[in-house]
Every structure is written in C-alpha cells, then in structure tokens.
Protein backbone atom coordinates (compact mmCIF):
# COMPACT_ATOMS: atom_id res chain seq x y z
CA MET A 1 0.00 0.00 0.00
CA SER A 2 1.12 3.57 -0.51
CA GLU A 3 0.06 7.01 0.57
CA ALA A 4 -0.11 9.40 -2.38
CA GLY A 5 0.30 13.14 -2.22
CA PRO A 6 -1.32 15.82 -4.40
CA GLY A 7 -1.96 14.45 -7.86
CA GLY A 8 -1.56 10.89 -6.55
CA TYR A 9 2.24 10.91 -6.49
CA ARG A 10 4.57 9.37 -3.96
CA LEU A 11 7.98 10.61 -2.87
CA GLY A 12 11.08 9.46 -4.75
CA LEU A 13 14.68 10.36 -3.92
CA GLU A 14 17.59 10.37 -6.37
CA CYS A 15 19.94 9.45 -3.51
CA LEU A 16 19.55 8.54 0.13
CA GLN A 17 21.50 11.47 1.52
CA ARG A 18 20.15 14.15 3.82
CA ASP A 19 20.03 16.84 1.10
CA ALA A 20 18.45 14.66 -1.61
CA VAL A 21 16.10 16.28 -4.12
CA GLN A 22 12.51 15.10 -3.65
CA HIS A 23 10.72 13.93 -6.80
CA ALA A 24 7.13 13.04 -7.71
CA VAL A 25 6.70 9.41 -8.78
CA ALA A 26 3.68 7.45 -10.00
CA ALA A 27 2.88 4.49 -7.76
CA ASP A 28 4.05 1.85 -10.25
CA SER A 29 7.26 3.53 -11.41
CA GLU A 30 10.89 4.10 -10.43
CA ILE A 31 11.19 7.09 -12.79
CA SER A 32 10.09 10.51 -11.55
CA LEU A 33 7.90 12.89 -13.56
CA CYS A 34 11.03 14.80 -14.61
CA GLY A 35 12.79 11.62 -15.78
CA GLU A 36 15.16 10.89 -12.87
CA LYS A 37 15.64 7.30 -11.69
CA VAL A 38 14.63 7.40 -8.03
CA SER A 39 14.15 5.26 -4.95
CA SER A 40 11.14 5.33 -2.66
CA LEU A 41 11.27 5.16 1.11
CA PRO A 42 8.81 2.40 1.98
CA ILE A 43 7.91 2.35 5.66
CA LEU A 44 6.01 -0.73 6.83
CA GLY A 45 4.49 -1.15 3.37
CA TRP A 46 3.61 2.53 2.93
CA SER A 47 5.39 5.08 0.74
CA LEU A 48 5.68 8.71 1.70
CA PRO A 49 3.65 11.20 -0.37
CA PHE A 50 5.25 13.78 -2.64
CA VAL A 51 4.84 17.24 -1.07
CA PRO A 52 5.27 20.00 -3.68
CA THR A 53 5.87 22.64 -1.01
CA ALA A 54 8.86 20.80 0.49
CA VAL A 55 12.10 22.81 0.48
CA ARG A 56 13.92 20.25 -1.68
CA ALA A 57 11.02 19.42 -4.03
CA CYS A 58 12.14 19.18 -7.66
CA PRO A 59 10.75 22.26 -9.45
CA VAL A 60 10.10 20.30 -12.66
CA CYS A 61 8.18 17.61 -10.75
CA VAL A 62 6.20 20.31 -8.92
CA ARG A 63 5.19 21.88 -12.24
CA LEU A 64 4.32 18.55 -13.86
CA ALA A 65 2.41 17.30 -10.80
CA LYS A 66 0.10 20.32 -11.03
CA ARG A 67 -1.08 19.31 -14.49
CA PRO A 68 -4.68 18.10 -14.38
CA CYS A 69 -4.17 15.58 -17.18
CA ARG A 70 -3.32 11.90 -16.92
CA VAL A 71 0.09 10.72 -15.72
CA VAL A 72 2.56 10.48 -18.60
CA ARG A 73 5.82 8.75 -17.81
CA HIS A 74 9.04 10.28 -19.04
CA GLY A 75 9.66 9.32 -22.67
CA GLN A 76 6.00 8.53 -23.40
CA SER A 77 3.28 10.64 -24.92
C-alpha cells in the first residue's frame, strides 16, 4: 500500500542522503515525472507522499504534478 500526495504521487529520492532532491513518482514507477531514476522510502508497506511545497522538491516535478491531465511517464506521450 502507498500514501499518495497531491496528484496521486509518492515521494522518490535520487539518492539517500540528507540533502536529496525530492521527486514526484507514480505508484508503479521508479522514474520521476522529470525523468530521474529514483528510490522510494517504503515504511512498513507505505510510501511517503510527494509534497510539492517541500524545500527540496524538484521544481520540474512540482510543475508537472500540477497538471490536471493523466500521468505520462518520461519518454512517453
């Protein structure tokens, strides 16, 4: 199970360091909206939601997550 944030996206990190950029990721993907390969942080079967107002939120993911249209994975149309 996963907890999704605004737009239904979960949190994905490009690295597991303290200052990692936070990306928006569809529930069934390891590629963020902006095209970065990311890792989720599953906690007891739950994934953290993507929060577009977070200090380290990827600006491209924030912009793309606001789009009201369907989720389009990087490289698809």
